[in-house]
Amino acid sequence: MERRAYATFMKQWPGEIESLQVTSTGDNFFDYLTEDLTLDFVLGALIGDFERIQHYPEKGYQIEQPIPPEVEAAYQALKPLAA
C-alpha cells in the first residue's frame, strides 16, 4: 500500500523533492489483522492496490513501477482468494 502512495505522490507532485518517506509500522502481516480488519478485507485491499499500481500509470495517476516476477506470481496466487 505504501508503494501506491509513493507512486501517486511522485506523479502528482513532480520535481525536486528534498525528502519523502512512506513507511508502515513493520508489523507482521497476521498481527495487522483484527476483528474489523479481517483477512478478506485486507486481502481485497491489497489486491486492489496492486491492480492500481499496474493500471494507474497508463491513466496518468501514478508513476510506473517495476513489478518483479515473484510479486506478479504472488498476485496470481492470491487473486482467486480475494472475495
PDB file of N, CA and C in Angstrom:
ATOM      1  N   MET A   1       0.817  -1.189   0.000  1.00  0.00           N
ATOM      2  CA  MET A   1       0.000   0.000   0.000  1.00  0.00           C
ATOM      3  C   MET A   1       0.865   1.259   0.000  1.00  0.00           C
ATOM      4  N   GLU A   2       2.023   1.145   0.611  1.00  0.00           N
ATOM      5  CA  GLU A   2       2.934   2.293   0.621  1.00  0.00           C
ATOM      6  C   GLU A   2       3.433   2.613  -0.785  1.00  0.00           C
ATOM      7  N   ARG A   3       3.615   1.588  -1.593  1.00  0.00           N
ATOM      8  CA  ARG A   3       4.128   1.820  -2.954  1.00  0.00           C
ATOM      9  C   ARG A   3       3.140   2.630  -3.781  1.00  0.00           C
ATOM     10  N   ARG A   4       1.857   2.398  -3.592  1.00  0.00           N
ATOM     11  CA  ARG A   4       0.862   3.167  -4.341  1.00  0.00           C
ATOM     12  C   ARG A   4       0.850   4.612  -3.878  1.00  0.00           C
ATOM     13  N   ALA A   5       0.969   4.833  -2.577  1.00  0.00           N
ATOM     14  CA  ALA A   5       1.039   6.207  -2.059  1.00  0.00           C
ATOM     15  C   ALA A   5       2.261   6.923  -2.633  1.00  0.00           C
ATOM     16  N   TYR A   6       3.398   6.248  -2.650  1.00  0.00           N
ATOM     17  CA  TYR A   6       4.625   6.823  -3.204  1.00  0.00           C
ATOM     18  C   TYR A   6       4.452   7.134  -4.696  1.00  0.00           C
ATOM     19  N   ALA A   7       3.918   6.178  -5.450  1.00  0.00           N
ATOM     20  CA  ALA A   7       3.756   6.357  -6.897  1.00  0.00           C
ATOM     21  C   ALA A   7       2.819   7.515  -7.209  1.00  0.00           C
ATOM     22  N   THR A   8       1.764   7.650  -6.435  1.00  0.00           N
ATOM     23  CA  THR A   8       0.821   8.751  -6.643  1.00  0.00           C
ATOM     24  C   THR A   8       1.475  10.083  -6.316  1.00  0.00           C
ATOM     25  N   PHE A   9       2.159  10.149  -5.193  1.00  0.00           N
ATOM     26  CA  PHE A   9       2.825  11.390  -4.795  1.00  0.00           C
ATOM     27  C   PHE A   9       3.815  11.837  -5.861  1.00  0.00           C
ATOM     28  N   MET A  10       4.638  10.916  -6.329  1.00  0.00           N
ATOM     29  CA  MET A  10       5.675  11.264  -7.296  1.00  0.00           C
ATOM     30  C   MET A  10       5.080  11.758  -8.620  1.00  0.00           C
ATOM     31  N   LYS A  11       3.919  11.249  -8.989  1.00  0.00           N
ATOM     32  CA  LYS A  11       3.275  11.690 -10.234  1.00  0.00           C
ATOM     33  C   LYS A  11       2.592  13.043 -10.050  1.00  0.00           C
ATOM     34  N   GLN A  12       1.912  13.215  -8.939  1.00  0.00           N
ATOM     35  CA  GLN A  12       1.109  14.413  -8.731  1.00  0.00           C
ATOM     36  C   GLN A  12       1.926  15.624  -8.298  1.00  0.00           C
ATOM     37  N   TRP A  13       3.090  15.405  -7.707  1.00  0.00           N
ATOM     38  CA  TRP A  13       3.972  16.496  -7.277  1.00  0.00           C
ATOM     39  C   TRP A  13       5.370  16.270  -7.853  1.00  0.00           C
ATOM     40  N   PRO A  14       5.497  16.395  -9.178  1.00  0.00           N
ATOM     41  CA  PRO A  14       6.800  16.146  -9.803  1.00  0.00           C
ATOM     42  C   PRO A  14       7.802  17.245  -9.464  1.00  0.00           C
ATOM     43  N   GLY A  15       9.043  16.942  -9.694  1.00  0.00           N
ATOM     44  CA  GLY A  15      10.096  17.924  -9.464  1.00  0.00           C
ATOM     45  C   GLY A  15      11.017  17.483  -8.346  1.00  0.00           C
ATOM     46  N   GLU A  16      11.875  18.398  -7.955  1.00  0.00           N
ATOM     47  CA  GLU A  16      12.844  18.112  -6.901  1.00  0.00           C
ATOM     48  C   GLU A  16      12.141  17.953  -5.554  1.00  0.00           C
ATOM     49  N   ILE A  17      12.428  16.870  -4.896  1.00  0.00           N
ATOM     50  CA  ILE A  17      11.880  16.610  -3.566  1.00  0.00           C
ATOM     51  C   ILE A  17      13.060  16.391  -2.641  1.00  0.00           C
ATOM     52  N   GLU A  18      13.138  17.207  -1.615  1.00  0.00           N
ATOM     53  CA  GLU A  18      14.264  17.106  -0.691  1.00  0.00           C
ATOM     54  C   GLU A  18      14.217  15.808   0.096  1.00  0.00           C
ATOM     55  N   SER A  19      13.013  15.433   0.538  1.00  0.00           N
ATOM     56  CA  SER A  19      12.891  14.230   1.349  1.00  0.00           C
ATOM     57  C   SER A  19      11.458  13.723   1.278  1.00  0.00           C
ATOM     58  N   LEU A  20      11.308  12.426   1.154  1.00  0.00           N
ATOM     59  CA  LEU A  20       9.989  11.802   1.153  1.00  0.00           C
ATOM     60  C   LEU A  20      10.120  10.441   1.812  1.00  0.00           C
ATOM     61  N   GLN A  21       9.268  10.194   2.787  1.00  0.00           N
ATOM     62  CA  GLN A  21       9.263   8.895   3.453  1.00  0.00           C
ATOM     63  C   GLN A  21       7.847   8.351   3.451  1.00  0.00           C
ATOM     64  N   VAL A  22       7.700   7.119   3.028  1.00  0.00           N
ATOM     65  CA  VAL A  22       6.436   6.409   3.097  1.00  0.00           C
ATOM     66  C   VAL A  22       6.733   5.156   3.904  1.00  0.00           C
ATOM     67  N   THR A  23       6.160   5.064   5.081  1.00  0.00           N
ATOM     68  CA  THR A  23       6.523   3.974   5.987  1.00  0.00           C
ATOM     69  C   THR A  23       5.290   3.298   6.567  1.00  0.00           C
ATOM     70  N   SER A  24       5.524   2.189   7.214  1.00  0.00           N
ATOM     71  CA  SER A  24       4.486   1.488   7.963  1.00  0.00           C
ATOM     72  C   SER A  24       5.078   1.061   9.301  1.00  0.00           C
ATOM     73  N   THR A  25       4.261   0.417  10.084  1.00  0.00           N
ATOM     74  CA  THR A  25       4.698   0.027  11.424  1.00  0.00           C
ATOM     75  C   THR A  25       5.690  -1.124  11.411  1.00  0.00           C
ATOM     76  N   GLY A  26       5.731  -1.871  10.324  1.00  0.00           N
ATOM     77  CA  GLY A  26       6.630  -3.019  10.262  1.00  0.00           C
ATOM     78  C   GLY A  26       6.076  -4.243  10.967  1.00  0.00           C
ATOM     79  N   ASP A  27       4.779  -4.211  11.283  1.00  0.00           N
ATOM     80  CA  ASP A  27       4.150  -5.352  11.939  1.00  0.00           C
ATOM     81  C   ASP A  27       4.144  -6.573  11.025  1.00  0.00           C
ATOM     82  N   ASN A  28       4.107  -7.732  11.631  1.00  0.00           N
ATOM     83  CA  ASN A  28       3.885  -8.976  10.924  1.00  0.00           C
ATOM     84  C   ASN A  28       2.512  -8.894  10.258  1.00  0.00           C
ATOM     85  N   PHE A  29       2.365  -9.453   9.066  1.00  0.00           N
ATOM     86  CA  PHE A  29       1.095  -9.369   8.341  1.00  0.00           C
ATOM     87  C   PHE A  29      -0.070  -9.843   9.199  1.00  0.00           C
ATOM     88  N   PHE A  30       0.069 -10.965   9.863  1.00  0.00           N
ATOM     89  CA  PHE A  30      -1.050 -11.518  10.626  1.00  0.00           C
ATOM     90  C   PHE A  30      -1.323 -10.734  11.905  1.00  0.00           C
ATOM     91  N   ASP A  31      -0.321 -10.035  12.434  1.00  0.00           N
ATOM     92  CA  ASP A  31      -0.548  -9.159  13.581  1.00  0.00           C
ATOM     93  C   ASP A  31      -1.360  -7.933  13.185  1.00  0.00           C
ATOM     94  N   TYR A  32      -1.360  -7.604  11.910  1.00  0.00           N
ATOM     95  CA  TYR A  32      -2.096  -6.459  11.384  1.00  0.00           C
ATOM     96  C   TYR A  32      -3.604  -6.707  11.396  1.00  0.00           C
ATOM     97  N   LEU A  33      -3.992  -7.976  11.300  1.00  0.00           N
ATOM     98  CA  LEU A  33      -5.404  -8.326  11.230  1.00  0.00           C
ATOM     99  C   LEU A  33      -6.081  -8.159  12.582  1.00  0.00           C
ATOM    100  N   THR A  34      -7.322  -7.685  12.539  1.00  0.00           N
ATOM    101  CA  THR A  34      -8.138  -7.523  13.744  1.00  0.00           C
ATOM    102  C   THR A  34      -9.549  -7.999  13.430  1.00  0.00           C
ATOM    103  N   GLU A  35     -10.436  -7.839  14.393  1.00  0.00           N
ATOM    104  CA  GLU A  35     -11.840  -8.176  14.165  1.00  0.00           C
ATOM    105  C   GLU A  35     -12.433  -7.310  13.053  1.00  0.00           C
ATOM    106  N   ASP A  36     -12.010  -6.058  12.989  1.00  0.00           N
ATOM    107  CA  ASP A  36     -12.505  -5.143  11.952  1.00  0.00           C
ATOM    108  C   ASP A  36     -11.711  -5.257  10.650  1.00  0.00           C
ATOM    109  N   LEU A  37     -10.413  -5.512  10.757  1.00  0.00           N
ATOM    110  CA  LEU A  37      -9.556  -5.672   9.577  1.00  0.00           C
ATOM    111  C   LEU A  37      -9.337  -7.165   9.348  1.00  0.00           C
ATOM    112  N   THR A  38     -10.347  -7.789   8.766  1.00  0.00           N
ATOM    113  CA  THR A  38     -10.305  -9.235   8.553  1.00  0.00           C
ATOM    114  C   THR A  38      -9.359  -9.586   7.406  1.00  0.00           C
ATOM    115  N   LEU A  39      -9.007 -10.842   7.336  1.00  0.00           N
ATOM    116  CA  LEU A  39      -8.141 -11.315   6.258  1.00  0.00           C
ATOM    117  C   LEU A  39      -8.765 -11.014   4.899  1.00  0.00           C
ATOM    118  N   ASP A  40     -10.066 -11.270   4.752  1.00  0.00           N
ATOM    119  CA  ASP A  40     -10.730 -10.996   3.474  1.00  0.00           C
ATOM    120  C   ASP A  40     -10.662  -9.518   3.110  1.00  0.00           C
ATOM    121  N   PHE A  41     -10.891  -8.645   4.092  1.00  0.00           N
ATOM    122  CA  PHE A  41     -10.861  -7.202   3.841  1.00  0.00           C
ATOM    123  C   PHE A  41      -9.461  -6.749   3.436  1.00  0.00           C
ATOM    124  N   VAL A  42      -8.461  -7.175   4.196  1.00  0.00           N
ATOM    125  CA  VAL A  42      -7.083  -6.750   3.927  1.00  0.00           C
ATOM    126  C   VAL A  42      -6.597  -7.333   2.603  1.00  0.00           C
ATOM    127  N   LEU A  43      -6.916  -8.581   2.330  1.00  0.00           N
ATOM    128  CA  LEU A  43      -6.521  -9.198   1.068  1.00  0.00           C
ATOM    129  C   LEU A  43      -7.169  -8.474  -0.113  1.00  0.00           C
ATOM    130  N   GLY A  44      -8.440  -8.118   0.020  1.00  0.00           N
ATOM    131  CA  GLY A  44      -9.116  -7.360  -1.035  1.00  0.00           C
ATOM    132  C   GLY A  44      -8.463  -6.009  -1.273  1.00  0.00           C
ATOM    133  N   ALA A  45      -8.099  -5.324  -0.195  1.00  0.00           N
ATOM    134  CA  ALA A  45      -7.426  -4.022  -0.318  1.00  0.00           C
ATOM    135  C   ALA A  45      -6.052  -4.187  -0.953  1.00  0.00           C
ATOM    136  N   LEU A  46      -5.340  -5.222  -0.563  1.00  0.00           N
ATOM    137  CA  LEU A  46      -4.006  -5.488  -1.107  1.00  0.00           C
ATOM    138  C   LEU A  46      -4.066  -5.779  -2.609  1.00  0.00           C
ATOM    139  N   ILE A  47      -5.002  -6.627  -3.012  1.00  0.00           N
ATOM    140  CA  ILE A  47      -5.175  -6.957  -4.429  1.00  0.00           C
ATOM    141  C   ILE A  47      -5.581  -5.705  -5.209  1.00  0.00           C
ATOM    142  N   GLY A  48      -6.504  -4.921  -4.654  1.00  0.00           N
ATOM    143  CA  GLY A  48      -6.934  -3.695  -5.317  1.00  0.00           C
ATOM    144  C   GLY A  48      -5.800  -2.706  -5.498  1.00  0.00           C
ATOM    145  N   ASP A  49      -4.993  -2.523  -4.472  1.00  0.00           N
ATOM    146  CA  ASP A  49      -3.851  -1.612  -4.580  1.00  0.00           C
ATOM    147  C   ASP A  49      -2.851  -2.105  -5.623  1.00  0.00           C
ATOM    148  N   PHE A  50      -2.609  -3.404  -5.640  1.00  0.00           N
ATOM    149  CA  PHE A  50      -1.675  -3.948  -6.631  1.00  0.00           C
ATOM    150  C   PHE A  50      -2.185  -3.694  -8.048  1.00  0.00           C
ATOM    151  N   GLU A  51      -3.479  -3.908  -8.269  1.00  0.00           N
ATOM    152  CA  GLU A  51      -4.048  -3.672  -9.596  1.00  0.00           C
ATOM    153  C   GLU A  51      -3.966  -2.193  -9.977  1.00  0.00           C
ATOM    154  N   ARG A  52      -4.122  -1.313  -9.016  1.00  0.00           N
ATOM    155  CA  ARG A  52      -3.980   0.116  -9.300  1.00  0.00           C
ATOM    156  C   ARG A  52      -2.529   0.457  -9.650  1.00  0.00           C
ATOM    157  N   ILE A  53      -1.579  -0.175  -8.959  1.00  0.00           N
ATOM    158  CA  ILE A  53      -0.167   0.037  -9.293  1.00  0.00           C
ATOM    159  C   ILE A  53       0.095  -0.405 -10.735  1.00  0.00           C
ATOM    160  N   GLN A  54      -0.569  -1.459 -11.169  1.00  0.00           N
ATOM    161  CA  GLN A  54      -0.404  -1.947 -12.541  1.00  0.00           C
ATOM    162  C   GLN A  54      -1.021  -0.999 -13.570  1.00  0.00           C
ATOM    163  N   HIS A  55      -2.217  -0.484 -13.293  1.00  0.00           N
ATOM    164  CA  HIS A  55      -3.010   0.190 -14.318  1.00  0.00           C
ATOM    165  C   HIS A  55      -3.072   1.714 -14.225  1.00  0.00           C
ATOM    166  N   TYR A  56      -2.813   2.291 -13.074  1.00  0.00           N
ATOM    167  CA  TYR A  56      -2.950   3.747 -12.950  1.00  0.00           C
ATOM    168  C   TYR A  56      -1.889   4.555 -13.691  1.00  0.00           C
ATOM    169  N   PRO A  57      -0.682   4.034 -13.911  1.00  0.00           N
ATOM    170  CA  PRO A  57       0.270   4.832 -14.698  1.00  0.00           C
ATOM    171  C   PRO A  57      -0.255   5.174 -16.096  1.00  0.00           C
ATOM    172  N   GLU A  58      -0.930   4.236 -16.741  1.00  0.00           N
ATOM    173  CA  GLU A  58      -1.452   4.499 -18.090  1.00  0.00           C
ATOM    174  C   GLU A  58      -2.582   5.527 -18.071  1.00  0.00           C
ATOM    175  N   LYS A  59      -3.191   5.744 -16.914  1.00  0.00           N
ATOM    176  CA  LYS A  59      -4.238   6.762 -16.776  1.00  0.00           C
ATOM    177  C   LYS A  59      -3.670   8.107 -16.340  1.00  0.00           C
ATOM    178  N   GLY A  60      -2.368   8.116 -16.030  1.00  0.00           N
ATOM    179  CA  GLY A  60      -1.719   9.356 -15.629  1.00  0.00           C
ATOM    180  C   GLY A  60      -1.826   9.685 -14.154  1.00  0.00           C
ATOM    181  N   TYR A  61      -2.244   8.719 -13.334  1.00  0.00           N
ATOM    182  CA  TYR A  61      -2.429   8.968 -11.901  1.00  0.00           C
ATOM    183  C   TYR A  61      -1.171   8.732 -11.081  1.00  0.00           C
ATOM    184  N   GLN A  62      -0.310   7.838 -11.542  1.00  0.00           N
ATOM    185  CA  GLN A  62       0.865   7.419 -10.781  1.00  0.00           C
ATOM    186  C   GLN A  62       2.050   7.234 -11.717  1.00  0.00           C
ATOM    187  N   ILE A  63       3.256   7.210 -11.120  1.00  0.00           N
ATOM    188  CA  ILE A  63       4.423   6.832 -11.905  1.00  0.00           C
ATOM    189  C   ILE A  63       4.403   5.315 -12.087  1.00  0.00           C
ATOM    190  N   GLU A  64       5.061   4.851 -13.130  1.00  0.00           N
ATOM    191  CA  GLU A  64       5.173   3.416 -13.350  1.00  0.00           C
ATOM    192  C   GLU A  64       6.224   2.845 -12.409  1.00  0.00           C
ATOM    193  N   GLN A  65       5.965   1.645 -11.928  1.00  0.00           N
ATOM    194  CA  GLN A  65       6.906   0.970 -11.042  1.00  0.00           C
ATOM    195  C   GLN A  65       7.148  -0.442 -11.556  1.00  0.00           C
ATOM    196  N   PRO A  66       8.380  -0.901 -11.506  1.00  0.00           N
ATOM    197  CA  PRO A  66       8.644  -2.275 -11.941  1.00  0.00           C
ATOM    198  C   PRO A  66       7.991  -3.265 -10.984  1.00  0.00           C
ATOM    199  N   ILE A  67       7.466  -4.335 -11.549  1.00  0.00           N
ATOM    200  CA  ILE A  67       6.850  -5.395 -10.747  1.00  0.00           C
ATOM    201  C   ILE A  67       7.671  -6.660 -10.965  1.00  0.00           C
ATOM    202  N   PRO A  68       8.400  -7.098  -9.938  1.00  0.00           N
ATOM    203  CA  PRO A  68       9.225  -8.305 -10.077  1.00  0.00           C
ATOM    204  C   PRO A  68       8.360  -9.537 -10.377  1.00  0.00           C
ATOM    205  N   PRO A  69       8.905 -10.499 -11.103  1.00  0.00           N
ATOM    206  CA  PRO A  69       8.143 -11.706 -11.452  1.00  0.00           C
ATOM    207  C   PRO A  69       7.576 -12.438 -10.233  1.00  0.00           C
ATOM    208  N   GLU A  70       8.331 -12.475  -9.143  1.00  0.00           N
ATOM    209  CA  GLU A  70       7.824 -13.186  -7.960  1.00  0.00           C
ATOM    210  C   GLU A  70       6.640 -12.463  -7.326  1.00  0.00           C
ATOM    211  N   VAL A  71       6.578 -11.152  -7.477  1.00  0.00           N
ATOM    212  CA  VAL A  71       5.434 -10.386  -6.967  1.00  0.00           C
ATOM    213  C   VAL A  71       4.216 -10.643  -7.852  1.00  0.00           C
ATOM    214  N   GLU A  72       4.424 -10.660  -9.151  1.00  0.00           N
ATOM    215  CA  GLU A  72       3.332 -10.989 -10.081  1.00  0.00           C
ATOM    216  C   GLU A  72       2.812 -12.397  -9.805  1.00  0.00           C
ATOM    217  N   ALA A  73       3.706 -13.338  -9.531  1.00  0.00           N
ATOM    218  CA  ALA A  73       3.300 -14.714  -9.223  1.00  0.00           C
ATOM    219  C   ALA A  73       2.486 -14.765  -7.932  1.00  0.00           C
ATOM    220  N   ALA A  74       2.896 -14.010  -6.926  1.00  0.00           N
ATOM    221  CA  ALA A  74       2.140 -13.961  -5.669  1.00  0.00           C
ATOM    222  C   ALA A  74       0.753 -13.378  -5.910  1.00  0.00           C
ATOM    223  N   TYR A  75       0.675 -12.323  -6.713  1.00  0.00           N
ATOM    224  CA  TYR A  75      -0.616 -11.723  -7.063  1.00  0.00           C
ATOM    225  C   TYR A  75      -1.516 -12.758  -7.733  1.00  0.00           C
ATOM    226  N   GLN A  76      -0.969 -13.493  -8.701  1.00  0.00           N
ATOM    227  CA  GLN A  76      -1.763 -14.500  -9.406  1.00  0.00           C
ATOM    228  C   GLN A  76      -2.264 -15.588  -8.450  1.00  0.00           C
ATOM    229  N   ALA A  77      -1.468 -15.926  -7.450  1.00  0.00           N
ATOM    230  CA  ALA A  77      -1.871 -16.945  -6.475  1.00  0.00           C
ATOM    231  C   ALA A  77      -2.920 -16.417  -5.500  1.00  0.00           C
ATOM    232  N   LEU A  78      -2.806 -15.139  -5.116  1.00  0.00           N
ATOM    233  CA  LEU A  78      -3.712 -14.571  -4.113  1.00  0.00           C
ATOM    234  C   LEU A  78      -5.028 -14.062  -4.693  1.00  0.00           C
ATOM    235  N   LYS A  79      -5.017 -13.625  -5.936  1.00  0.00           N
ATOM    236  CA  LYS A  79      -6.218 -13.016  -6.516  1.00  0.00           C
ATOM    237  C   LYS A  79      -7.450 -13.915  -6.416  1.00  0.00           C
ATOM    238  N   PRO A  80      -7.361 -15.210  -6.711  1.00  0.00           N
ATOM    239  CA  PRO A  80      -8.560 -16.049  -6.583  1.00  0.00           C
ATOM    240  C   PRO A  80      -9.087 -16.146  -5.147  1.00  0.00           C
ATOM    241  N   LEU A  81      -8.246 -15.862  -4.167  1.00  0.00           N
ATOM    242  CA  LEU A  81      -8.664 -15.948  -2.769  1.00  0.00           C
ATOM    243  C   LEU A  81      -9.395 -14.696  -2.300  1.00  0.00           C
ATOM    244  N   ALA A  82      -9.242 -13.599  -3.028  1.00  0.00           N
ATOM    245  CA  ALA A  82      -9.888 -12.337  -2.648  1.00  0.00           C
ATOM    246  C   ALA A  82     -11.361 -12.412  -3.036  1.00  0.00           C
ATOM    247  N   ALA A  83     -12.214 -12.253  -2.040  1.00  0.00           N
ATOM    248  CA  ALA A  83     -13.661 -12.375  -2.289  1.00  0.00           C
ATOM    249  C   ALA A  83     -14.252 -11.089  -2.800  1.00  0.00           C
TER     250      ALA A  83
END
